[in-house]
């Protein structure tokens, strides 16, 4: 499990999720697009959800527990970026990758 640190808060995510979140955050902020990042909590963590306002002016620190970068699912990245059209980037389950062939 890796950690997303935003202001004084820390949030734990799987390294694979964090790698995709990092790409989405960097893409949107490079475009000058501030946004909400939202995700639901599992029932084991008490349910509910989080929403963070992601802005260029706030330092973000992502730390990974593993030393190897995971393979990136481009469809998932695109899906996350496109989800921002409906009020913010909502972390969703990773879709299966389609093989070109």
N, C-alpha and C. Protein backbone atom coordinates (compact mmCIF):
# COMPACT_ATOMS: atom_id res chain seq x y z
N UNK A 1 0.84 -1.18 0.00
CA UNK A 1 0.00 0.00 0.00
C UNK A 1 0.88 1.24 0.00
N UNK A 2 0.57 2.13 -0.91
CA UNK A 2 1.27 3.40 -0.96
C UNK A 2 0.45 4.48 -0.28
N UNK A 3 0.97 5.71 -0.30
CA UNK A 3 0.33 6.81 0.40
C UNK A 3 0.26 8.04 -0.49
N UNK A 4 -0.90 8.68 -0.49
CA UNK A 4 -1.09 9.99 -1.10
C UNK A 4 -1.17 10.98 0.04
N UNK A 5 -0.23 11.93 0.06
CA UNK A 5 -0.24 12.97 1.07
C UNK A 5 -0.66 14.27 0.41
N UNK A 6 -1.68 14.89 0.97
CA UNK A 6 -2.22 16.13 0.43
C UNK A 6 -2.48 17.04 1.61
N UNK A 7 -1.78 18.16 1.63
CA UNK A 7 -1.76 19.05 2.79
C UNK A 7 -1.33 18.23 3.99
N UNK A 8 -2.09 18.19 5.04
CA UNK A 8 -1.70 17.47 6.26
C UNK A 8 -2.34 16.08 6.36
N UNK A 9 -3.00 15.64 5.32
CA UNK A 9 -3.71 14.37 5.34
C UNK A 9 -2.92 13.29 4.61
N UNK A 10 -3.12 12.03 5.01
CA UNK A 10 -2.53 10.88 4.34
C UNK A 10 -3.63 9.89 4.00
N UNK A 11 -3.57 9.36 2.78
CA UNK A 11 -4.56 8.40 2.32
C UNK A 11 -3.83 7.21 1.72
N UNK A 12 -4.23 6.01 2.11
CA UNK A 12 -3.58 4.78 1.64
C UNK A 12 -4.31 4.22 0.42
N UNK A 13 -3.53 3.84 -0.57
CA UNK A 13 -4.04 3.22 -1.79
C UNK A 13 -3.06 2.14 -2.23
N UNK A 14 -3.55 1.20 -2.98
CA UNK A 14 -2.71 0.22 -3.63
C UNK A 14 -1.76 0.95 -4.59
N UNK A 15 -0.52 0.50 -4.70
CA UNK A 15 0.46 1.14 -5.59
C UNK A 15 -0.06 1.27 -7.03
N UNK A 16 -0.77 0.26 -7.50
CA UNK A 16 -1.29 0.30 -8.87
C UNK A 16 -2.30 1.44 -9.04
N UNK A 17 -3.17 1.62 -8.07
CA UNK A 17 -4.13 2.72 -8.11
C UNK A 17 -3.38 4.05 -8.09
N UNK A 18 -2.40 4.17 -7.19
CA UNK A 18 -1.65 5.42 -7.07
C UNK A 18 -0.92 5.79 -8.35
N UNK A 19 -0.37 4.81 -9.04
CA UNK A 19 0.33 5.09 -10.30
C UNK A 19 -0.62 5.72 -11.31
N UNK A 20 -1.84 5.23 -11.38
CA UNK A 20 -2.84 5.77 -12.30
C UNK A 20 -3.31 7.15 -11.83
N UNK A 21 -3.50 7.31 -10.53
CA UNK A 21 -3.90 8.61 -9.97
C UNK A 21 -2.83 9.65 -10.25
N UNK A 22 -1.57 9.29 -10.12
CA UNK A 22 -0.47 10.22 -10.39
C UNK A 22 -0.52 10.72 -11.83
N UNK A 23 -0.76 9.84 -12.76
CA UNK A 23 -0.84 10.23 -14.17
C UNK A 23 -2.02 11.18 -14.39
N UNK A 24 -3.17 10.85 -13.82
CA UNK A 24 -4.36 11.68 -13.99
C UNK A 24 -4.14 13.06 -13.38
N UNK A 25 -3.61 13.12 -12.16
CA UNK A 25 -3.37 14.41 -11.50
C UNK A 25 -2.39 15.24 -12.31
N UNK A 26 -1.29 14.65 -12.72
CA UNK A 26 -0.29 15.43 -13.46
C UNK A 26 -0.82 15.90 -14.79
N UNK A 27 -1.61 15.08 -15.47
CA UNK A 27 -2.20 15.47 -16.76
C UNK A 27 -3.14 16.66 -16.58
N UNK A 28 -4.04 16.57 -15.62
CA UNK A 28 -5.02 17.63 -15.43
C UNK A 28 -4.37 18.93 -14.94
N UNK A 29 -3.42 18.84 -14.03
CA UNK A 29 -2.78 20.06 -13.54
C UNK A 29 -1.91 20.71 -14.60
N UNK A 30 -1.27 19.91 -15.46
CA UNK A 30 -0.51 20.50 -16.57
C UNK A 30 -1.42 21.28 -17.50
N UNK A 31 -2.66 20.84 -17.62
CA UNK A 31 -3.64 21.53 -18.46
C UNK A 31 -4.25 22.74 -17.75
N UNK A 32 -3.88 22.94 -16.49
CA UNK A 32 -4.44 24.04 -15.71
C UNK A 32 -5.84 23.75 -15.21
N UNK A 33 -6.18 22.49 -15.07
CA UNK A 33 -7.52 22.07 -14.64
C UNK A 33 -7.49 21.62 -13.18
N UNK A 34 -8.02 22.43 -12.29
CA UNK A 34 -8.22 22.02 -10.91
C UNK A 34 -9.47 21.14 -10.87
N UNK A 35 -9.56 20.24 -9.89
CA UNK A 35 -10.68 19.30 -9.89
C UNK A 35 -10.82 18.64 -8.53
N UNK A 36 -11.98 18.03 -8.30
CA UNK A 36 -12.18 17.17 -7.14
C UNK A 36 -11.72 15.77 -7.49
N UNK A 37 -11.01 15.14 -6.58
CA UNK A 37 -10.67 13.72 -6.67
C UNK A 37 -11.53 13.04 -5.61
N UNK A 38 -12.39 12.13 -6.01
CA UNK A 38 -13.28 11.46 -5.06
C UNK A 38 -13.12 9.95 -5.13
N UNK A 39 -13.37 9.31 -4.01
CA UNK A 39 -13.36 7.86 -3.97
C UNK A 39 -14.23 7.40 -2.82
N UNK A 40 -14.78 6.21 -2.99
CA UNK A 40 -15.62 5.60 -1.96
C UNK A 40 -14.76 4.73 -1.06
N UNK A 41 -15.15 4.66 0.19
CA UNK A 41 -14.46 3.82 1.15
C UNK A 41 -15.17 2.48 1.24
N UNK A 42 -14.41 1.40 1.37
CA UNK A 42 -15.06 0.09 1.52
C UNK A 42 -15.73 -0.01 2.89
N UNK A 43 -16.67 -0.93 3.01
CA UNK A 43 -17.37 -1.09 4.29
C UNK A 43 -16.40 -1.45 5.41
N UNK A 44 -15.30 -2.12 5.08
CA UNK A 44 -14.30 -2.47 6.10
C UNK A 44 -13.62 -1.23 6.69
N UNK A 45 -13.70 -0.10 5.96
CA UNK A 45 -13.11 1.15 6.44
C UNK A 45 -14.20 2.11 6.93
N UNK A 46 -15.41 1.60 7.10
CA UNK A 46 -16.48 2.43 7.62
C UNK A 46 -17.39 3.05 6.59
N UNK A 47 -17.22 2.67 5.34
CA UNK A 47 -18.00 3.22 4.22
C UNK A 47 -17.78 4.71 4.07
N UNK A 48 -18.67 5.38 3.35
CA UNK A 48 -18.52 6.81 3.11
C UNK A 48 -17.65 7.08 1.90
N UNK A 49 -17.22 8.33 1.76
CA UNK A 49 -16.35 8.69 0.64
C UNK A 49 -15.52 9.91 1.00
N UNK A 50 -14.48 10.12 0.24
CA UNK A 50 -13.60 11.27 0.38
C UNK A 50 -13.69 12.11 -0.89
N UNK A 51 -13.48 13.42 -0.74
CA UNK A 51 -13.38 14.32 -1.89
C UNK A 51 -12.28 15.33 -1.56
N UNK A 52 -11.27 15.41 -2.43
CA UNK A 52 -10.17 16.38 -2.27
C UNK A 52 -10.20 17.36 -3.43
N UNK A 53 -10.05 18.64 -3.16
CA UNK A 53 -9.91 19.63 -4.21
C UNK A 53 -8.44 19.65 -4.60
N UNK A 54 -8.12 19.24 -5.80
CA UNK A 54 -6.74 19.17 -6.28
C UNK A 54 -6.45 20.46 -7.04
N UNK A 55 -5.42 21.15 -6.59
CA UNK A 55 -5.08 22.48 -7.11
C UNK A 55 -3.56 22.58 -7.24
N UNK A 56 -3.10 23.31 -8.25
CA UNK A 56 -1.65 23.49 -8.45
C UNK A 56 -0.95 24.09 -7.24
N UNK A 57 -1.65 24.82 -6.40
CA UNK A 57 -1.02 25.50 -5.27
C UNK A 57 -0.79 24.63 -4.05
N UNK A 58 -1.24 23.38 -4.06
CA UNK A 58 -1.12 22.52 -2.89
C UNK A 58 -0.13 21.39 -3.20
N UNK A 59 0.91 21.25 -2.37
CA UNK A 59 1.88 20.18 -2.61
C UNK A 59 1.24 18.79 -2.45
N UNK A 60 1.60 17.91 -3.36
CA UNK A 60 1.12 16.53 -3.33
C UNK A 60 2.35 15.63 -3.24
N UNK A 61 2.30 14.65 -2.35
CA UNK A 61 3.39 13.69 -2.24
C UNK A 61 2.80 12.30 -2.33
N UNK A 62 3.30 11.53 -3.27
CA UNK A 62 2.88 10.14 -3.44
C UNK A 62 4.06 9.25 -3.14
N UNK A 63 3.88 8.32 -2.21
CA UNK A 63 4.95 7.36 -1.93
C UNK A 63 4.42 5.96 -2.19
N UNK A 64 5.28 5.16 -2.79
CA UNK A 64 4.92 3.80 -3.16
C UNK A 64 5.62 2.81 -2.24
N UNK A 65 4.93 1.72 -1.92
CA UNK A 65 5.54 0.71 -1.07
C UNK A 65 6.47 -0.21 -1.88
N UNK A 66 6.18 -0.37 -3.16
CA UNK A 66 7.00 -1.23 -4.00
C UNK A 66 8.01 -0.43 -4.80
N UNK A 67 9.04 -1.11 -5.27
CA UNK A 67 10.10 -0.43 -6.02
C UNK A 67 9.87 -0.48 -7.53
N UNK A 68 8.96 -1.31 -7.99
CA UNK A 68 8.70 -1.43 -9.43
C UNK A 68 7.43 -0.69 -9.82
N UNK A 69 7.51 0.04 -10.91
CA UNK A 69 6.33 0.74 -11.43
C UNK A 69 5.40 -0.27 -12.09
N UNK A 70 4.11 -0.22 -11.78
CA UNK A 70 3.18 -1.16 -12.41
C UNK A 70 2.91 -0.79 -13.86
N UNK A 71 2.46 -1.76 -14.63
CA UNK A 71 2.03 -1.49 -16.00
C UNK A 71 0.81 -0.57 -15.95
N UNK A 72 0.73 0.33 -16.90
CA UNK A 72 -0.35 1.30 -16.91
C UNK A 72 -1.46 0.86 -17.87
N UNK A 73 -2.67 0.90 -17.39
CA UNK A 73 -3.86 0.60 -18.18
C UNK A 73 -4.35 1.93 -18.75
N UNK A 74 -4.06 2.19 -20.01
CA UNK A 74 -4.41 3.47 -20.65
C UNK A 74 -5.92 3.71 -20.66
N UNK A 75 -6.70 2.65 -20.81
CA UNK A 75 -8.16 2.80 -20.80
C UNK A 75 -8.64 3.32 -19.46
N UNK A 76 -8.02 2.86 -18.38
CA UNK A 76 -8.39 3.30 -17.04
C UNK A 76 -8.04 4.78 -16.87
N UNK A 77 -6.84 5.17 -17.30
CA UNK A 77 -6.42 6.57 -17.22
C UNK A 77 -7.41 7.45 -17.97
N UNK A 78 -7.73 7.07 -19.20
CA UNK A 78 -8.67 7.86 -20.01
C UNK A 78 -10.04 7.92 -19.35
N UNK A 79 -10.49 6.82 -18.79
CA UNK A 79 -11.79 6.77 -18.12
C UNK A 79 -11.80 7.71 -16.92
N UNK A 80 -10.73 7.71 -16.14
CA UNK A 80 -10.65 8.59 -14.98
C UNK A 80 -10.64 10.06 -15.40
N UNK A 81 -9.88 10.39 -16.42
CA UNK A 81 -9.82 11.77 -16.89
C UNK A 81 -11.19 12.20 -17.41
N UNK A 82 -11.85 11.34 -18.16
CA UNK A 82 -13.16 11.67 -18.71
C UNK A 82 -14.24 11.79 -17.63
N UNK A 83 -14.05 11.10 -16.50
CA UNK A 83 -15.04 11.18 -15.42
C UNK A 83 -15.13 12.58 -14.83
N UNK A 84 -14.11 13.39 -15.04
CA UNK A 84 -14.10 14.74 -14.47
C UNK A 84 -15.16 15.64 -15.11
N UNK A 85 -15.70 15.24 -16.24
CA UNK A 85 -16.74 16.04 -16.90
C UNK A 85 -18.04 16.04 -16.09
N UNK A 86 -18.15 15.12 -15.13
CA UNK A 86 -19.37 15.02 -14.33
C UNK A 86 -19.13 15.43 -12.89
N UNK A 87 -18.23 16.38 -12.65
CA UNK A 87 -18.07 16.91 -11.30
C UNK A 87 -16.79 16.54 -10.60
N UNK A 88 -15.87 15.92 -11.26
CA UNK A 88 -14.59 15.58 -10.64
C UNK A 88 -14.15 14.20 -11.04
N UNK A 89 -12.90 13.91 -10.77
CA UNK A 89 -12.35 12.59 -11.07
C UNK A 89 -12.79 11.64 -9.96
N UNK A 90 -13.56 10.63 -10.33
CA UNK A 90 -14.01 9.64 -9.36
C UNK A 90 -13.23 8.36 -9.58
N UNK A 91 -12.52 7.91 -8.55
CA UNK A 91 -11.76 6.67 -8.66
C UNK A 91 -12.73 5.50 -8.79
N UNK A 92 -12.65 4.84 -9.91
CA UNK A 92 -13.52 3.70 -10.19
C UNK A 92 -12.67 2.44 -10.28
N UNK A 93 -13.35 1.32 -10.35
CA UNK A 93 -12.65 0.05 -10.52
C UNK A 93 -11.92 0.04 -11.85
N UNK A 94 -10.81 -0.65 -11.89
CA UNK A 94 -10.05 -0.74 -13.13
C UNK A 94 -10.80 -1.60 -14.14
N UNK A 95 -11.03 -1.05 -15.36
CA UNK A 95 -11.67 -1.87 -16.40
C UNK A 95 -10.66 -2.87 -16.95
N UNK A 96 -11.15 -3.98 -17.50
CA UNK A 96 -10.22 -4.93 -18.12
C UNK A 96 -9.58 -4.30 -19.34
N UNK A 97 -8.32 -4.63 -19.57
CA UNK A 97 -7.62 -4.11 -20.74
C UNK A 97 -8.04 -4.90 -21.96
N UNK A 98 -8.23 -4.20 -23.07
CA UNK A 98 -8.54 -4.85 -24.34
C UNK A 98 -7.25 -5.00 -25.11
N UNK A 99 -7.04 -6.20 -25.61
CA UNK A 99 -5.83 -6.44 -26.41
C UNK A 99 -6.12 -6.09 -27.85
N UNK A 100 -5.19 -5.34 -28.46
CA UNK A 100 -5.31 -5.07 -29.89
C UNK A 100 -4.90 -6.32 -30.65
N UNK A 101 -5.61 -6.62 -31.66
CA UNK A 101 -5.20 -7.82 -32.33
C UNK A 101 -5.90 -7.99 -33.57
